[in-house]
Full PDB file with SEQRES, HELIX, SHEET, SSBOND, CRYST1, ORIGX, SCALE, CONECT and MASTER records, all heavy atoms in Angstrom:
SEQRES   1 A   36  ARG GLN LEU SER TYR LEU GLY ALA LYS ILE ASP TYR ASP          
SEQRES   2 A   36  LEU ASN ARG VAL THR ARG GLY LYS GLU VAL LEU LEU SER          
SEQRES   3 A   36  THR PRO ASP ALA THR VAL LYS VAL ALA VAL                      
HELIX    1 AA1 SER A    4  LEU A    6  5                                   3    
HELIX    2 AA2 TYR A   12  VAL A   17  1                                   6    
CRYST1    1.000    1.000    1.000  90.00  90.00  90.00 P 1           1          
ORIGX1      1.000000  0.000000  0.000000        0.00000                         
ORIGX2      0.000000  1.000000  0.000000        0.00000                         
ORIGX3      0.000000  0.000000  1.000000        0.00000                         
SCALE1      1.000000  0.000000  0.000000        0.00000                         
SCALE2      0.000000  1.000000  0.000000        0.00000                         
SCALE3      0.000000  0.000000  1.000000        0.00000                         
ATOM      1  N   ARG A   1       0.808  -1.211   0.014  1.00  0.00           N  
ATOM      2  CA  ARG A   1      -0.038  -0.030   0.045  1.00  0.00           C  
ATOM      3  C   ARG A   1       0.964   1.275  -0.039  1.00  0.00           C  
ATOM      4  O   ARG A   1       0.557   2.207  -0.665  1.00  0.00           O  
ATOM      5  CB  ARG A   1      -0.904   0.017   1.133  1.00  0.00           C  
ATOM      6  CG  ARG A   1      -2.070  -0.927   1.056  1.00  0.00           C  
ATOM      7  CD  ARG A   1      -3.103  -0.667   2.200  1.00  0.00           C  
ATOM      8  NE  ARG A   1      -4.048  -1.815   2.293  1.00  0.00           N  
ATOM      9  CZ  ARG A   1      -5.067  -1.821   1.526  1.00  0.00           C  
ATOM     10  NH1 ARG A   1      -5.408  -0.978   0.549  1.00  0.00           N  
ATOM     11  NH2 ARG A   1      -5.972  -2.912   1.696  1.00  0.00           N  
ATOM     12  N   GLN A   2       2.001   1.280   0.754  1.00  0.00           N  
ATOM     13  CA  GLN A   2       2.886   2.440   0.807  1.00  0.00           C  
ATOM     14  C   GLN A   2       3.588   2.608  -0.431  1.00  0.00           C  
ATOM     15  O   GLN A   2       4.087   3.720  -0.776  1.00  0.00           O  
ATOM     16  CB  GLN A   2       3.930   2.194   1.995  1.00  0.00           C  
ATOM     17  CG  GLN A   2       3.250   2.176   3.365  1.00  0.00           C  
ATOM     18  CD  GLN A   2       2.363   3.302   3.711  1.00  0.00           C  
ATOM     19  OE1 GLN A   2       2.756   4.451   3.615  1.00  0.00           O  
ATOM     20  NE2 GLN A   2       1.203   3.067   4.194  1.00  0.00           N  
ATOM     21  N   LEU A   3       3.713   1.563  -1.244  1.00  0.00           N  
ATOM     22  CA  LEU A   3       4.545   1.561  -2.443  1.00  0.00           C  
ATOM     23  C   LEU A   3       3.698   1.501  -3.721  1.00  0.00           C  
ATOM     24  O   LEU A   3       4.140   1.454  -4.876  1.00  0.00           O  
ATOM     25  CB  LEU A   3       5.657   0.441  -2.579  1.00  0.00           C  
ATOM     26  CG  LEU A   3       6.663   0.428  -1.553  1.00  0.00           C  
ATOM     27  CD1 LEU A   3       7.555  -0.749  -1.670  1.00  0.00           C  
ATOM     28  CD2 LEU A   3       7.491   1.700  -1.531  1.00  0.00           C  
ATOM     29  N   SER A   4       2.390   1.786  -3.594  1.00  0.00           N  
ATOM     30  CA  SER A   4       1.432   1.784  -4.661  1.00  0.00           C  
ATOM     31  C   SER A   4       1.837   2.998  -5.694  1.00  0.00           C  
ATOM     32  O   SER A   4       1.574   2.764  -6.833  1.00  0.00           O  
ATOM     33  CB  SER A   4       0.024   1.926  -4.205  1.00  0.00           C  
ATOM     34  OG  SER A   4      -0.120   3.236  -3.544  1.00  0.00           O  
ATOM     35  N   TYR A   5       2.429   4.040  -5.216  1.00  0.00           N  
ATOM     36  CA  TYR A   5       2.713   5.067  -6.171  1.00  0.00           C  
ATOM     37  C   TYR A   5       3.750   4.610  -7.145  1.00  0.00           C  
ATOM     38  O   TYR A   5       4.005   5.199  -8.237  1.00  0.00           O  
ATOM     39  CB  TYR A   5       3.370   6.360  -5.372  1.00  0.00           C  
ATOM     40  CG  TYR A   5       4.715   6.212  -4.800  1.00  0.00           C  
ATOM     41  CD1 TYR A   5       5.793   6.515  -5.341  1.00  0.00           C  
ATOM     42  CD2 TYR A   5       4.794   5.456  -3.536  1.00  0.00           C  
ATOM     43  CE1 TYR A   5       7.103   6.346  -4.967  1.00  0.00           C  
ATOM     44  CE2 TYR A   5       6.056   5.320  -2.953  1.00  0.00           C  
ATOM     45  CZ  TYR A   5       7.217   5.754  -3.725  1.00  0.00           C  
ATOM     46  OH  TYR A   5       8.428   5.517  -3.106  1.00  0.00           O  
ATOM     47  N   LEU A   6       4.555   3.546  -6.809  1.00  0.00           N  
ATOM     48  CA  LEU A   6       5.537   2.923  -7.841  1.00  0.00           C  
ATOM     49  C   LEU A   6       4.813   1.973  -8.807  1.00  0.00           C  
ATOM     50  O   LEU A   6       5.393   1.621  -9.824  1.00  0.00           O  
ATOM     51  CB  LEU A   6       6.504   2.156  -7.073  1.00  0.00           C  
ATOM     52  CG  LEU A   6       7.533   2.866  -6.239  1.00  0.00           C  
ATOM     53  CD1 LEU A   6       8.358   1.909  -5.471  1.00  0.00           C  
ATOM     54  CD2 LEU A   6       8.458   3.736  -7.126  1.00  0.00           C  
ATOM     55  N   GLY A   7       3.539   1.706  -8.590  1.00  0.00           N  
ATOM     56  CA  GLY A   7       2.852   0.727  -9.439  1.00  0.00           C  
ATOM     57  C   GLY A   7       2.765  -0.554  -8.883  1.00  0.00           C  
ATOM     58  O   GLY A   7       2.305  -1.569  -9.576  1.00  0.00           O  
ATOM     59  N   ALA A   8       3.011  -0.772  -7.551  1.00  0.00           N  
ATOM     60  CA  ALA A   8       2.896  -2.098  -6.919  1.00  0.00           C  
ATOM     61  C   ALA A   8       1.392  -2.233  -6.522  1.00  0.00           C  
ATOM     62  O   ALA A   8       0.797  -1.400  -5.760  1.00  0.00           O  
ATOM     63  CB  ALA A   8       3.768  -2.155  -5.782  1.00  0.00           C  
ATOM     64  N   LYS A   9       0.710  -3.223  -7.173  1.00  0.00           N  
ATOM     65  CA  LYS A   9      -0.670  -3.458  -6.787  1.00  0.00           C  
ATOM     66  C   LYS A   9      -0.692  -5.092  -6.529  1.00  0.00           C  
ATOM     67  O   LYS A   9      -0.169  -5.817  -7.324  1.00  0.00           O  
ATOM     68  CB  LYS A   9      -1.607  -3.159  -7.850  1.00  0.00           C  
ATOM     69  CG  LYS A   9      -1.671  -1.697  -8.159  1.00  0.00           C  
ATOM     70  CD  LYS A   9      -2.624  -1.493  -9.385  1.00  0.00           C  
ATOM     71  CE  LYS A   9      -2.675  -0.069  -9.813  1.00  0.00           C  
ATOM     72  NZ  LYS A   9      -3.556   0.091 -10.979  1.00  0.00           N  
ATOM     73  N   ILE A  10      -1.293  -5.466  -5.424  1.00  0.00           N  
ATOM     74  CA  ILE A  10      -1.343  -6.870  -5.196  1.00  0.00           C  
ATOM     75  C   ILE A  10      -2.813  -7.336  -4.855  1.00  0.00           C  
ATOM     76  O   ILE A  10      -3.793  -6.504  -4.684  1.00  0.00           O  
ATOM     77  CB  ILE A  10      -0.608  -7.319  -3.864  1.00  0.00           C  
ATOM     78  CG1 ILE A  10      -1.191  -6.599  -2.616  1.00  0.00           C  
ATOM     79  CG2 ILE A  10       0.916  -6.987  -4.053  1.00  0.00           C  
ATOM     80  CD1 ILE A  10      -0.595  -7.258  -1.314  1.00  0.00           C  
ATOM     81  N   ASP A  11      -3.086  -8.622  -5.208  1.00  0.00           N  
ATOM     82  CA  ASP A  11      -4.361  -9.308  -4.936  1.00  0.00           C  
ATOM     83  C   ASP A  11      -4.375  -9.508  -3.429  1.00  0.00           C  
ATOM     84  O   ASP A  11      -3.765 -10.331  -2.873  1.00  0.00           O  
ATOM     85  CB  ASP A  11      -4.434 -10.599  -5.724  1.00  0.00           C  
ATOM     86  CG  ASP A  11      -5.610 -11.269  -5.503  1.00  0.00           C  
ATOM     87  OD1 ASP A  11      -6.317 -11.279  -4.450  1.00  0.00           O  
ATOM     88  OD2 ASP A  11      -6.056 -12.071  -6.534  1.00  0.00           O  
ATOM     89  N   TYR A  12      -5.085  -8.713  -2.701  1.00  0.00           N  
ATOM     90  CA  TYR A  12      -5.312  -8.717  -1.302  1.00  0.00           C  
ATOM     91  C   TYR A  12      -5.855 -10.049  -0.784  1.00  0.00           C  
ATOM     92  O   TYR A  12      -5.346 -10.520   0.257  1.00  0.00           O  
ATOM     93  CB  TYR A  12      -6.035  -7.522  -0.801  1.00  0.00           C  
ATOM     94  CG  TYR A  12      -5.166  -6.254  -1.013  1.00  0.00           C  
ATOM     95  CD1 TYR A  12      -5.558  -5.353  -1.970  1.00  0.00           C  
ATOM     96  CD2 TYR A  12      -4.036  -5.982  -0.155  1.00  0.00           C  
ATOM     97  CE1 TYR A  12      -4.822  -4.169  -2.151  1.00  0.00           C  
ATOM     98  CE2 TYR A  12      -3.396  -4.791  -0.464  1.00  0.00           C  
ATOM     99  CZ  TYR A  12      -3.752  -4.004  -1.327  1.00  0.00           C  
ATOM    100  OH  TYR A  12      -3.016  -2.820  -1.717  1.00  0.00           O  
ATOM    101  N   ASP A  13      -6.756 -10.650  -1.495  1.00  0.00           N  
ATOM    102  CA  ASP A  13      -7.329 -11.937  -1.050  1.00  0.00           C  
ATOM    103  C   ASP A  13      -6.285 -12.988  -1.199  1.00  0.00           C  
ATOM    104  O   ASP A  13      -6.162 -13.847  -0.293  1.00  0.00           O  
ATOM    105  CB  ASP A  13      -8.616 -12.242  -1.941  1.00  0.00           C  
ATOM    106  CG  ASP A  13      -9.762 -11.388  -1.615  1.00  0.00           C  
ATOM    107  OD1 ASP A  13      -9.918 -10.793  -0.545  1.00  0.00           O  
ATOM    108  OD2 ASP A  13     -10.532 -11.037  -2.645  1.00  0.00           O  
ATOM    109  N   LEU A  14      -5.582 -13.065  -2.237  1.00  0.00           N  
ATOM    110  CA  LEU A  14      -4.446 -14.049  -2.368  1.00  0.00           C  
ATOM    111  C   LEU A  14      -3.338 -13.847  -1.312  1.00  0.00           C  
ATOM    112  O   LEU A  14      -2.901 -14.805  -0.785  1.00  0.00           O  
ATOM    113  CB  LEU A  14      -3.851 -14.014  -3.914  1.00  0.00           C  
ATOM    114  CG  LEU A  14      -2.738 -14.928  -4.144  1.00  0.00           C  
ATOM    115  CD1 LEU A  14      -3.224 -16.357  -3.981  1.00  0.00           C  
ATOM    116  CD2 LEU A  14      -2.260 -14.649  -5.580  1.00  0.00           C  
ATOM    117  N   ASN A  15      -3.097 -12.566  -1.137  1.00  0.00           N  
ATOM    118  CA  ASN A  15      -2.011 -12.341  -0.007  1.00  0.00           C  
ATOM    119  C   ASN A  15      -2.383 -12.793   1.272  1.00  0.00           C  
ATOM    120  O   ASN A  15      -1.626 -13.433   1.910  1.00  0.00           O  
ATOM    121  CB  ASN A  15      -1.800 -10.711  -0.040  1.00  0.00           C  
ATOM    122  CG  ASN A  15      -0.741 -10.352   1.082  1.00  0.00           C  
ATOM    123  OD1 ASN A  15       0.366 -10.900   1.020  1.00  0.00           O  
ATOM    124  ND2 ASN A  15      -1.235  -9.607   2.030  1.00  0.00           N  
ATOM    125  N   ARG A  16      -3.726 -12.640   1.667  1.00  0.00           N  
ATOM    126  CA  ARG A  16      -4.130 -13.092   2.937  1.00  0.00           C  
ATOM    127  C   ARG A  16      -4.097 -14.562   3.181  1.00  0.00           C  
ATOM    128  O   ARG A  16      -4.025 -15.021   4.351  1.00  0.00           O  
ATOM    129  CB  ARG A  16      -5.550 -12.463   3.209  1.00  0.00           C  
ATOM    130  CG  ARG A  16      -5.455 -11.056   3.473  1.00  0.00           C  
ATOM    131  CD  ARG A  16      -6.937 -10.546   3.738  1.00  0.00           C  
ATOM    132  NE  ARG A  16      -6.790  -9.104   3.843  1.00  0.00           N  
ATOM    133  CZ  ARG A  16      -7.408  -8.344   2.926  1.00  0.00           C  
ATOM    134  NH1 ARG A  16      -8.313  -8.735   2.046  1.00  0.00           N  
ATOM    135  NH2 ARG A  16      -7.272  -6.973   3.001  1.00  0.00           N  
ATOM    136  N   VAL A  17      -4.071 -15.414   2.138  1.00  0.00           N  
ATOM    137  CA  VAL A  17      -4.002 -16.937   2.304  1.00  0.00           C  
ATOM    138  C   VAL A  17      -2.668 -17.450   1.870  1.00  0.00           C  
ATOM    139  O   VAL A  17      -2.541 -18.604   1.918  1.00  0.00           O  
ATOM    140  CB  VAL A  17      -5.162 -17.539   1.494  1.00  0.00           C  
ATOM    141  CG1 VAL A  17      -6.514 -17.071   1.915  1.00  0.00           C  
ATOM    142  CG2 VAL A  17      -4.916 -17.237   0.031  1.00  0.00           C  
ATOM    143  N   THR A  18      -1.708 -16.583   1.576  1.00  0.00           N  
ATOM    144  CA  THR A  18      -0.394 -17.042   1.208  1.00  0.00           C  
ATOM    145  C   THR A  18       0.582 -16.871   2.266  1.00  0.00           C  
ATOM    146  O   THR A  18       0.872 -15.775   2.796  1.00  0.00           O  
ATOM    147  CB  THR A  18       0.069 -16.230  -0.166  1.00  0.00           C  
ATOM    148  OG1 THR A  18      -0.787 -16.391  -1.206  1.00  0.00           O  
ATOM    149  CG2 THR A  18       1.404 -16.756  -0.444  1.00  0.00           C  
ATOM    150  N   ARG A  19       1.079 -18.022   2.752  1.00  0.00           N  
ATOM    151  CA  ARG A  19       2.141 -18.101   3.694  1.00  0.00           C  
ATOM    152  C   ARG A  19       3.165 -19.218   3.412  1.00  0.00           C  
ATOM    153  O   ARG A  19       2.753 -20.319   3.264  1.00  0.00           O  
ATOM    154  CB  ARG A  19       1.528 -18.389   5.123  1.00  0.00           C  
ATOM    155  CG  ARG A  19       0.680 -17.328   5.707  1.00  0.00           C  
ATOM    156  CD  ARG A  19       0.128 -17.539   7.095  1.00  0.00           C  
ATOM    157  NE  ARG A  19      -0.491 -16.439   7.645  1.00  0.00           N  
ATOM    158  CZ  ARG A  19      -1.775 -16.117   7.334  1.00  0.00           C  
ATOM    159  NH1 ARG A  19      -2.401 -16.821   6.454  1.00  0.00           N  
ATOM    160  NH2 ARG A  19      -2.274 -15.073   7.830  1.00  0.00           N  
ATOM    161  N   GLY A  20       4.464 -18.859   3.212  1.00  0.00           N  
ATOM    162  CA  GLY A  20       5.481 -19.834   2.995  1.00  0.00           C  
ATOM    163  C   GLY A  20       5.354 -20.544   1.595  1.00  0.00           C  
ATOM    164  O   GLY A  20       6.006 -21.561   1.449  1.00  0.00           O  
ATOM    165  N   LYS A  21       4.652 -19.926   0.634  1.00  0.00           N  
ATOM    166  CA  LYS A  21       4.587 -20.511  -0.687  1.00  0.00           C  
ATOM    167  C   LYS A  21       5.106 -19.453  -1.648  1.00  0.00           C  
ATOM    168  O   LYS A  21       4.845 -18.204  -1.549  1.00  0.00           O  
ATOM    169  CB  LYS A  21       3.050 -20.885  -1.026  1.00  0.00           C  
ATOM    170  CG  LYS A  21       2.443 -21.881  -0.115  1.00  0.00           C  
ATOM    171  CD  LYS A  21       1.100 -22.340  -0.582  1.00  0.00           C  
ATOM    172  CE  LYS A  21       0.165 -21.132  -0.364  1.00  0.00           C  
ATOM    173  NZ  LYS A  21      -1.308 -21.441  -0.688  1.00  0.00           N  
ATOM    174  N   GLU A  22       5.650 -20.047  -2.752  1.00  0.00           N  
ATOM    175  CA  GLU A  22       6.078 -19.094  -3.787  1.00  0.00           C  
ATOM    176  C   GLU A  22       4.848 -18.705  -4.622  1.00  0.00           C  
ATOM    177  O   GLU A  22       4.156 -19.592  -5.142  1.00  0.00           O  
ATOM    178  CB  GLU A  22       7.050 -19.848  -4.733  1.00  0.00           C  
ATOM    179  CG  GLU A  22       7.581 -19.024  -5.842  1.00  0.00           C  
ATOM    180  CD  GLU A  22       8.751 -19.708  -6.607  1.00  0.00           C  
ATOM    181  OE1 GLU A  22       9.549 -20.400  -5.979  1.00  0.00           O  
ATOM    182  OE2 GLU A  22       8.798 -19.462  -7.755  1.00  0.00           O  
ATOM    183  N   VAL A  23       4.625 -17.482  -4.820  1.00  0.00           N  
ATOM    184  CA  VAL A  23       3.448 -16.951  -5.492  1.00  0.00           C  
ATOM    185  C   VAL A  23       3.659 -15.541  -6.012  1.00  0.00           C  
ATOM    186  O   VAL A  23       4.545 -14.795  -5.408  1.00  0.00           O  
ATOM    187  CB  VAL A  23       2.257 -16.904  -4.586  1.00  0.00           C  
ATOM    188  CG1 VAL A  23       2.417 -15.918  -3.435  1.00  0.00           C  
ATOM    189  CG2 VAL A  23       0.923 -16.710  -5.324  1.00  0.00           C  
ATOM    190  N   LEU A  24       3.025 -15.240  -7.106  1.00  0.00           N  
ATOM    191  CA  LEU A  24       3.109 -13.915  -7.712  1.00  0.00           C  
ATOM    192  C   LEU A  24       1.824 -13.248  -7.228  1.00  0.00           C  
ATOM    193  O   LEU A  24       0.715 -13.595  -7.528  1.00  0.00           O  
ATOM    194  CB  LEU A  24       3.088 -13.931  -9.265  1.00  0.00           C  
ATOM    195  CG  LEU A  24       3.173 -12.602  -9.898  1.00  0.00           C  
ATOM    196  CD1 LEU A  24       4.545 -11.878  -9.602  1.00  0.00           C  
ATOM    197  CD2 LEU A  24       2.898 -12.815 -11.425  1.00  0.00           C  
ATOM    198  N   LEU A  25       2.058 -12.151  -6.376  1.00  0.00           N  
ATOM    199  CA  LEU A  25       0.861 -11.496  -5.797  1.00  0.00           C  
ATOM    200  C   LEU A  25       0.369 -10.272  -6.524  1.00  0.00           C  
ATOM    201  O   LEU A  25      -0.790  -9.820  -6.275  1.00  0.00           O  
ATOM    202  CB  LEU A  25       1.271 -10.996  -4.418  1.00  0.00           C  
ATOM    203  CG  LEU A  25       1.533 -11.871  -3.234  1.00  0.00           C  
ATOM    204  CD1 LEU A  25       1.986 -11.141  -2.035  1.00  0.00           C  
ATOM    205  CD2 LEU A  25       0.291 -12.710  -3.021  1.00  0.00           C  
ATOM    206  N   SER A  26       1.103  -9.852  -7.472  1.00  0.00           N  
ATOM    207  CA  SER A  26       0.751  -8.555  -8.263  1.00  0.00           C  
ATOM    208  C   SER A  26      -0.452  -8.820  -9.084  1.00  0.00           C  
ATOM    209  O   SER A  26      -0.609  -9.961  -9.605  1.00  0.00           O  
ATOM    210  CB  SER A  26       1.935  -8.095  -8.972  1.00  0.00           C  
ATOM    211  OG  SER A  26       2.575  -9.010  -9.772  1.00  0.00           O  
ATOM    212  N   THR A  27      -1.168  -7.783  -9.354  1.00  0.00           N  
ATOM    213  CA  THR A  27      -2.372  -7.908 -10.188  1.00  0.00           C  
ATOM    214  C   THR A  27      -1.944  -7.709 -11.600  1.00  0.00           C  
ATOM    215  O   THR A  27      -0.888  -7.226 -11.855  1.00  0.00           O  
ATOM    216  CB  THR A  27      -3.322  -6.831  -9.814  1.00  0.00           C  
ATOM    217  OG1 THR A  27      -2.772  -5.522  -9.926  1.00  0.00           O  
ATOM    218  CG2 THR A  27      -3.883  -6.937  -8.344  1.00  0.00           C  
ATOM    219  N   PRO A  28      -2.743  -8.165 -12.652  1.00  0.00           N  
ATOM    220  CA  PRO A  28      -2.404  -8.041 -14.017  1.00  0.00           C  
ATOM    221  C   PRO A  28      -2.077  -6.568 -14.440  1.00  0.00           C  
ATOM    222  O   PRO A  28      -1.193  -6.457 -15.321  1.00  0.00           O  
ATOM    223  CB  PRO A  28      -3.580  -8.638 -14.706  1.00  0.00           C  
ATOM    224  CG  PRO A  28      -4.339  -9.537 -13.705  1.00  0.00           C  
ATOM    225  CD  PRO A  28      -4.037  -8.921 -12.438  1.00  0.00           C  
ATOM    226  N   ASP A  29      -2.670  -5.589 -13.800  1.00  0.00           N  
ATOM    227  CA  ASP A  29      -2.486  -4.224 -14.245  1.00  0.00           C  
ATOM    228  C   ASP A  29      -1.321  -3.563 -13.439  1.00  0.00           C  
ATOM    229  O   ASP A  29      -1.159  -2.369 -13.718  1.00  0.00           O  
ATOM    230  CB  ASP A  29      -3.829  -3.367 -14.152  1.00  0.00           C  
ATOM    231  CG  ASP A  29      -4.272  -3.397 -12.665  1.00  0.00           C  
ATOM    232  OD1 ASP A  29      -4.084  -4.329 -11.907  1.00  0.00           O  
ATOM    233  OD2 ASP A  29      -4.865  -2.353 -12.392  1.00  0.00           O  
ATOM    234  N   ALA A  30      -0.644  -4.224 -12.485  1.00  0.00           N  
ATOM    235  CA  ALA A  30       0.419  -3.659 -11.892  1.00  0.00           C  
ATOM    236  C   ALA A  30       1.565  -3.451 -12.722  1.00  0.00           C  
ATOM    237  O   ALA A  30       1.872  -4.280 -13.667  1.00  0.00           O  
ATOM    238  CB  ALA A  30       0.793  -4.589 -10.648  1.00  0.00           C  
ATOM    239  N   THR A  31       2.338  -2.401 -12.560  1.00  0.00           N  
ATOM    240  CA  THR A  31       3.579  -2.017 -13.343  1.00  0.00           C  
ATOM    241  C   THR A  31       4.833  -2.623 -12.622  1.00  0.00           C  
ATOM    242  O   THR A  31       5.885  -2.551 -13.195  1.00  0.00           O  
ATOM    243  CB  THR A  31       3.757  -0.589 -13.631  1.00  0.00           C  
ATOM    244  OG1 THR A  31       3.655   0.155 -12.435  1.00  0.00           O  
ATOM    245  CG2 THR A  31       2.539   0.014 -14.510  1.00  0.00           C  
ATOM    246  N   VAL A  32       4.596  -3.005 -11.371  1.00  0.00           N  
ATOM    247  CA  VAL A  32       5.735  -3.609 -10.648  1.00  0.00           C  
ATOM    248  C   VAL A  32       5.240  -4.976 -10.131  1.00  0.00           C  
ATOM    249  O   VAL A  32       4.281  -5.168  -9.633  1.00  0.00           O  
ATOM    250  CB  VAL A  32       6.048  -2.710  -9.288  1.00  0.00           C  
ATOM    251  CG1 VAL A  32       6.984  -3.370  -8.423  1.00  0.00           C  
ATOM    252  CG2 VAL A  32       6.541  -1.335  -9.762  1.00  0.00           C  
ATOM    253  N   LYS A  33       6.083  -6.036 -10.419  1.00  0.00           N  
ATOM    254  CA  LYS A  33       5.740  -7.455  -9.992  1.00  0.00           C  
ATOM    255  C   LYS A  33       5.987  -7.477  -8.502  1.00  0.00           C  
ATOM    256  O   LYS A  33       7.002  -6.941  -8.060  1.00  0.00           O  
ATOM    257  CB  LYS A  33       6.643  -8.377 -10.794  1.00  0.00           C  
ATOM    258  CG  LYS A  33       6.469  -8.351 -12.268  1.00  0.00           C  
ATOM    259  CD  LYS A  33       5.003  -8.948 -12.617  1.00  0.00           C  
ATOM    260  CE  LYS A  33       4.814  -8.947 -14.182  1.00  0.00           C  
ATOM    261  NZ  LYS A  33       3.469  -9.115 -14.525  1.00  0.00           N  
ATOM    262  N   VAL A  34       5.109  -8.209  -7.781  1.00  0.00           N  
ATOM    263  CA  VAL A  34       5.304  -8.450  -6.356  1.00  0.00           C  
ATOM    264  C   VAL A  34       5.134  -9.952  -6.249  1.00  0.00           C  
ATOM    265  O   VAL A  34       4.177 -10.554  -6.538  1.00  0.00           O  
ATOM    266  CB  VAL A  34       4.140  -7.732  -5.565  1.00  0.00           C  
ATOM    267  CG1 VAL A  34       4.414  -8.002  -4.038  1.00  0.00           C  
ATOM    268  CG2 VAL A  34       4.167  -6.217  -5.872  1.00  0.00           C  
ATOM    269  N   ALA A  35       6.249 -10.519  -5.569  1.00  0.00           N  
ATOM    270  CA  ALA A  35       6.229 -11.975  -5.364  1.00  0.00           C  
ATOM    271  C   ALA A  35       6.654 -12.309  -4.012  1.00  0.00           C  
ATOM    272  O   ALA A  35       7.413 -11.616  -3.243  1.00  0.00           O  
ATOM    273  CB  ALA A  35       7.258 -12.539  -6.476  1.00  0.00           C  
ATOM    274  N   VAL A  36       6.323 -13.492  -3.616  1.00  0.00           N  
ATOM    275  CA  VAL A  36       6.800 -14.212  -2.377  1.00  0.00           C  
ATOM    276  C   VAL A  36       7.593 -15.289  -2.782  1.00  0.00           C  
ATOM    277  O   VAL A  36       7.131 -16.199  -3.606  1.00  0.00           O  
ATOM    278  CB  VAL A  36       5.557 -14.652  -1.488  1.00  0.00           C  
ATOM    279  CG1 VAL A  36       6.220 -15.433  -0.253  1.00  0.00           C  
ATOM    280  CG2 VAL A  36       4.714 -13.533  -1.122  1.00  0.00           C  
TER     281      VAL A  36                                                      
MASTER        0    0    0    2    0    0    0    6  280    1    0    3          
END                                                                             
């Protein structure tokens, strides 16, 4: 949320259920990829 000005957008529902797994959290329209 603090870095949204850079283009970081995540799927908040996916984020909330992701723990200790490799996953791409960024939304399709994000200009910055966000991964775990």
